[in-house]
Amino acid sequence: MAGCYRGGKESANVFRYNEATGIASLDPAFARNQSIMWAVHQLYNTLVETDSALHIAPSVARSWELSSDRTVYTFHLRTDVFFHNDACFAMGKGRRLTASDVAYSLHRLIDTTVASPGAWIFGDKVDSLQPFVAVDDSTFQLKLRKPYQPVLGILAMQYCSIVPKEAIEKYGANFRKHPVGSGPFHFVAWDEGQALILKKHPRYFEVDASGNRLPYLDGVRISFADNKATEFLLFRQGKLDFLNDIDASFKDEVLSRKGELRPEWQSKVRLDKHEYLNIEYLGLLMDTSSAVFRQSPTAQRAVRQAINYAIDRRGLVRYLRNSLGTAAESGFVPVGMPSFDSAAVRGYTYDPERARQLLRSAGFGGKATPSIRLETIPVYAEIGNYVARQLEEVGIAVQVDVVQKSLLLDMTANGKALFFRGSWIADYPDAENYLSVFYSKNPAPPNYTRYKSAEFDALFERALAEPNDALRFKLYQQADALIVRDAPVVPLWYDMVIHLLQPGVEGLPANALNLLELRSVTKQQD
């Protein structure tokens, strides 16, 4: 099989995709962005995972229970999970994964000498003395300081992938490019800038409903063409099986305004679309200690609400996004999240007359507001100009300032941007991840707007301690409704995952976290 990857003809049963941004590391402790997360997901397992409906499902842990005080989770592990064969093990043969490996991996994540960007996920949530305990080979305990309902979703994150101590000790800093896990595929070779090759893990534990061992694919090949035009050409030539999203320069060629394949493409490729837990929004600084805020018309809630009413989100999505997304007419928590309910959280619809009424009530009747600067990034310049035109129609003067992404991040982190473009992608499928953006005890990030409300904080804290999902969802919705009322943000659209697939590629499931799930993928053989 390995010969199929080296110079000779590649196996037809290899899934090929391109990662234009490159992959910085294959160490799950550094799985901070999608390009790393996708590769890491093929190589490792976590205790639990999210299914296509974003429910928590077993993985390495076959079952678990929670103590009566809801601070200790006890996980019962499978005994048929094996690490990949590697020179770090005796005789080069991968050993069985045990609870000690889970404890080691999670301790490593919060070890300050590792400096993982994922250390925050446990923060002050876990017990300070013994947070991760291997009771025996197949029993693992997680101990919390106090009840924290979203913790299972956090354990499903790629940061929490299980690694063997032997590999970390043998490869040290080079573990980033010599990964060893227990996932459906194992590492073969990585020529940085050229290709990353993974091969089927022959001892992978999962089977399908008929008892056939997963994965079905022989391997995965990831290329690194950094030009979107090149990537699109490779896909058109049949050299890639899959495209994630369609670059803006090709959208109109491939898709209609309704977000459907144009007739000439319908027989050539398959389009898959589904909800994606990402919200695109505009943020408004709420820092009462800032002179910039105090002197701005946006210091008045009525003006912030007017901004929300003045924007035609449906038109924006249709004409600037080829209908790829859902107009954000509910709260900050996006469609696709289990707690989302547009009837419970009513947001803003396009109502320019209502916007003008609010401006009159704020003292701006018949005259434009002082100019407000909207900070955005080059790729969103067109959307910034669209928003500015709509706001000017109701009497809100806006100057669009296009800056590089790094500068905008610095400005928002330091409270220097009054009105700014933002987005928030879910780390795990719980609304807490979105509402934490407004929790007053959080710094920036994530609280870029410096929103502060005792009423909101109380609802948020009650929700985190609520074990009943239905009741917790209601509390989330009440908190989200406060964000709508106070308007520290302008939700624009809830995002959508766009995949183009070659004919014959089947079994790639949809999920709102947009994880690349290759275990059950099949390719039609020519």
Foldseek 3Di string as FASTA:
>chain_A
DVVLVPPHPHDPQAAEAADLVFEDFCQLLACPDQVNQQNVQQFFAFQWAADQLQDIAGDQFNDWDADPQRFKIKTFGDFQFWKFQAPLDVVSHTDTQFLVQLLVLLVCSLPVVNVRPLNCLCPQFFDPPPQWDRPDRGMIMGGTPHHFQCVSLVRNFSSSTGADPSLCVVQPVNCRQQPMYRGQWHFDHDDGQAKTKIAGRPSRDDADPVRHDWDPGGIYIYGHNNDLVVSVVCVQVVNHFKDWDHDQVCCVVQAALQGDGDPVCPVWWDKDKDFAFKFKWKFAAQDPVDPVLVPFLVVDLLLLLLLQQLDALVCCCRPVVSVFFAFPQFFQGDPSQPLDDCVLGGFYHHDLVSSLVSCVVSVQHPAAGPEAEEEEEPVCVVVVVNSQVSNVVSRYHYDYDHDHPVVLLVCLLVVNHRMYIDMDGDSGRDCLSRLVLQQQVDHPVVVSNNHDDPVLNVLSVVLRNDNDPVVSSSSSSVSRNVCRSSNSMRTRTRGMIIMIGGPQWDDQRHHNNPHGDRTHIGGDDD
